[in-house]
Amino acid sequence: MNWTDLRDKYQNERIFLIGNGPSLAETPIEALSDDYTFALNRIDEIYDETSWRPSFYFNTYSNPESRDEKSIRKHIHMGTRCFITSANRPIFGEENNILYFDQMSLFQTNFDEFTI
């Protein structure tokens, strides 16, 4: 998988971003099972309470603690498309479902040029 594989692939599709705060306990997340979802960081902490799984997994930690590393590995092994910071390439290696990205500051980003 590479970045160009994703260009325009989900155009005109609904895609939801799922954080992992306390409000998830009140959210009927199964209602998103037929939609594309991007989930973040330790989203797997709710998996015991739901059958829902994200379409994509995004991890922002450049130095993951063991708990974060376990979450990342779980998503890699589930076959979820994972977006992981390039700093973690030595930890997770090359897998078909991982796309590495360089961290950037939102204040330094020209969003007109940021496309996939």
Protein backbone atom coordinates (compact mmCIF):
# COMPACT_ATOMS: atom_id res chain seq x y z
CA MET A 1 0.00 0.00 0.00
CA ASN A 2 1.27 3.46 -0.77
CA TRP A 3 -0.12 6.97 -0.65
CA THR A 4 -1.03 7.07 -4.34
CA ASP A 5 -3.26 4.00 -3.85
CA LEU A 6 -5.51 6.19 -1.71
CA ARG A 7 -5.76 9.24 -3.95
CA ASP A 8 -9.46 9.84 -4.74
CA LYS A 9 -10.31 6.30 -3.64
CA TYR A 10 -12.87 7.49 -1.09
CA GLN A 11 -14.08 10.55 -2.93
CA ASN A 12 -17.79 11.18 -2.27
CA GLU A 13 -17.77 8.67 0.62
CA ARG A 14 -18.59 9.47 4.24
CA ILE A 15 -15.55 9.17 6.48
CA PHE A 16 -15.73 9.73 10.23
CA LEU A 17 -12.86 10.53 12.60
CA ILE A 18 -13.20 8.74 15.93
CA GLY A 19 -11.30 10.01 18.94
CA ASN A 20 -11.08 8.03 22.12
CA GLY A 21 -12.39 10.18 24.92
CA PRO A 22 -15.02 9.50 27.58
CA SER A 23 -17.87 10.50 25.23
CA LEU A 24 -17.45 7.20 23.36
CA ALA A 25 -19.20 5.47 26.26
CA GLU A 26 -22.36 7.38 25.24
CA THR A 27 -21.87 7.03 21.47
CA PRO A 28 -23.68 4.32 19.47
CA ILE A 29 -20.54 3.61 17.48
CA GLU A 30 -21.98 0.47 15.84
CA ALA A 31 -24.12 2.85 13.76
CA LEU A 32 -20.92 3.65 11.82
CA SER A 33 -20.21 0.03 10.87
CA ASP A 34 -21.16 0.62 7.23
CA ASP A 35 -19.18 3.86 6.96
CA TYR A 36 -15.46 4.46 6.68
CA THR A 37 -13.91 5.42 9.98
CA PHE A 38 -10.50 6.68 11.06
CA ALA A 39 -9.72 5.85 14.69
CA LEU A 40 -6.87 7.21 16.79
CA ASN A 41 -4.20 5.99 19.17
CA ARG A 42 -5.66 3.65 21.86
CA ILE A 43 -9.09 3.11 20.33
CA ASP A 44 -8.71 -0.62 20.95
CA GLU A 45 -9.45 0.01 24.63
CA ILE A 46 -13.18 -0.03 23.72
CA TYR A 47 -13.07 -3.24 21.65
CA ASP A 48 -14.29 -5.38 24.56
CA GLU A 49 -17.51 -3.33 24.56
CA THR A 50 -18.26 -3.20 20.84
CA SER A 51 -18.15 -5.25 17.67
CA TRP A 52 -17.28 -2.10 15.67
CA ARG A 53 -13.76 -1.83 14.25
CA PRO A 54 -12.29 1.11 12.33
CA SER A 55 -11.50 1.08 8.63
CA PHE A 56 -8.26 2.96 9.29
CA TYR A 57 -6.03 3.39 12.32
CA PHE A 58 -3.97 6.51 12.90
CA ASN A 59 -1.27 6.68 15.58
CA THR A 60 0.49 9.93 16.36
CA TYR A 61 3.07 8.80 18.92
CA SER A 62 6.65 9.08 17.69
CA ASN A 63 7.96 7.28 20.81
CA PRO A 64 5.22 4.83 21.78
CA GLU A 65 5.01 3.54 25.33
CA SER A 66 4.50 -0.21 25.63
CA ARG A 67 0.73 0.31 25.90
CA ASP A 68 0.72 2.31 22.66
CA GLU A 69 2.99 -0.16 20.91
CA LYS A 70 0.56 -2.93 21.84
CA SER A 71 -2.32 -0.94 20.29
CA ILE A 72 -0.37 -0.34 17.11
CA ARG A 73 0.63 -4.00 16.80
CA LYS A 74 -2.97 -5.10 17.39
CA HIS A 75 -4.17 -3.01 14.43
CA ILE A 76 -1.32 -4.14 12.20
CA HIS A 77 -2.15 -7.79 12.94
CA MET A 78 -5.89 -7.18 12.43
CA GLY A 79 -5.05 -6.03 8.90
CA THR A 80 -6.39 -2.51 9.47
CA ARG A 81 -4.78 0.13 7.28
CA CYS A 82 -2.43 1.88 9.68
CA PHE A 83 -0.98 5.36 9.46
CA ILE A 84 2.08 5.59 11.72
CA THR A 85 4.80 8.21 12.15
CA SER A 86 8.00 7.52 10.21
CA ALA A 87 9.99 7.59 13.45
CA ASN A 88 8.41 4.21 14.25
CA ARG A 89 9.56 2.44 11.08
CA PRO A 90 12.43 0.69 12.96
CA ILE A 91 9.92 -0.67 15.51
CA PHE A 92 7.16 -1.88 13.16
CA GLY A 93 9.06 -2.51 9.94
CA GLU A 94 7.49 -2.88 6.53
CA GLU A 95 3.99 -4.35 6.39
CA ASN A 96 1.51 -4.12 3.54
CA ASN A 97 -1.06 -2.32 5.67
CA ILE A 98 1.24 0.39 7.10
CA LEU A 99 1.68 3.85 5.61
CA TYR A 100 4.33 5.93 7.32
CA PHE A 101 4.11 9.71 7.48
CA ASP A 102 6.41 12.45 8.68
CA GLN A 103 5.06 14.47 11.54
CA MET A 104 4.38 18.08 10.74
CA SER A 105 3.18 21.10 12.55
CA LEU A 106 -0.28 22.28 11.60
CA PHE A 107 1.06 25.80 11.85
CA GLN A 108 3.63 25.04 9.14
CA THR A 109 1.27 23.23 6.77
CA ASN A 110 -0.05 24.67 3.55
CA PHE A 111 -3.31 22.73 3.31
CA ASP A 112 -3.73 23.68 -0.35
CA GLU A 113 -0.79 21.39 -1.07
CA PHE A 114 -1.73 18.58 1.35
CA THR A 115 -3.54 15.85 -0.58
CA ILE A 116 -3.37 12.11 -0.72
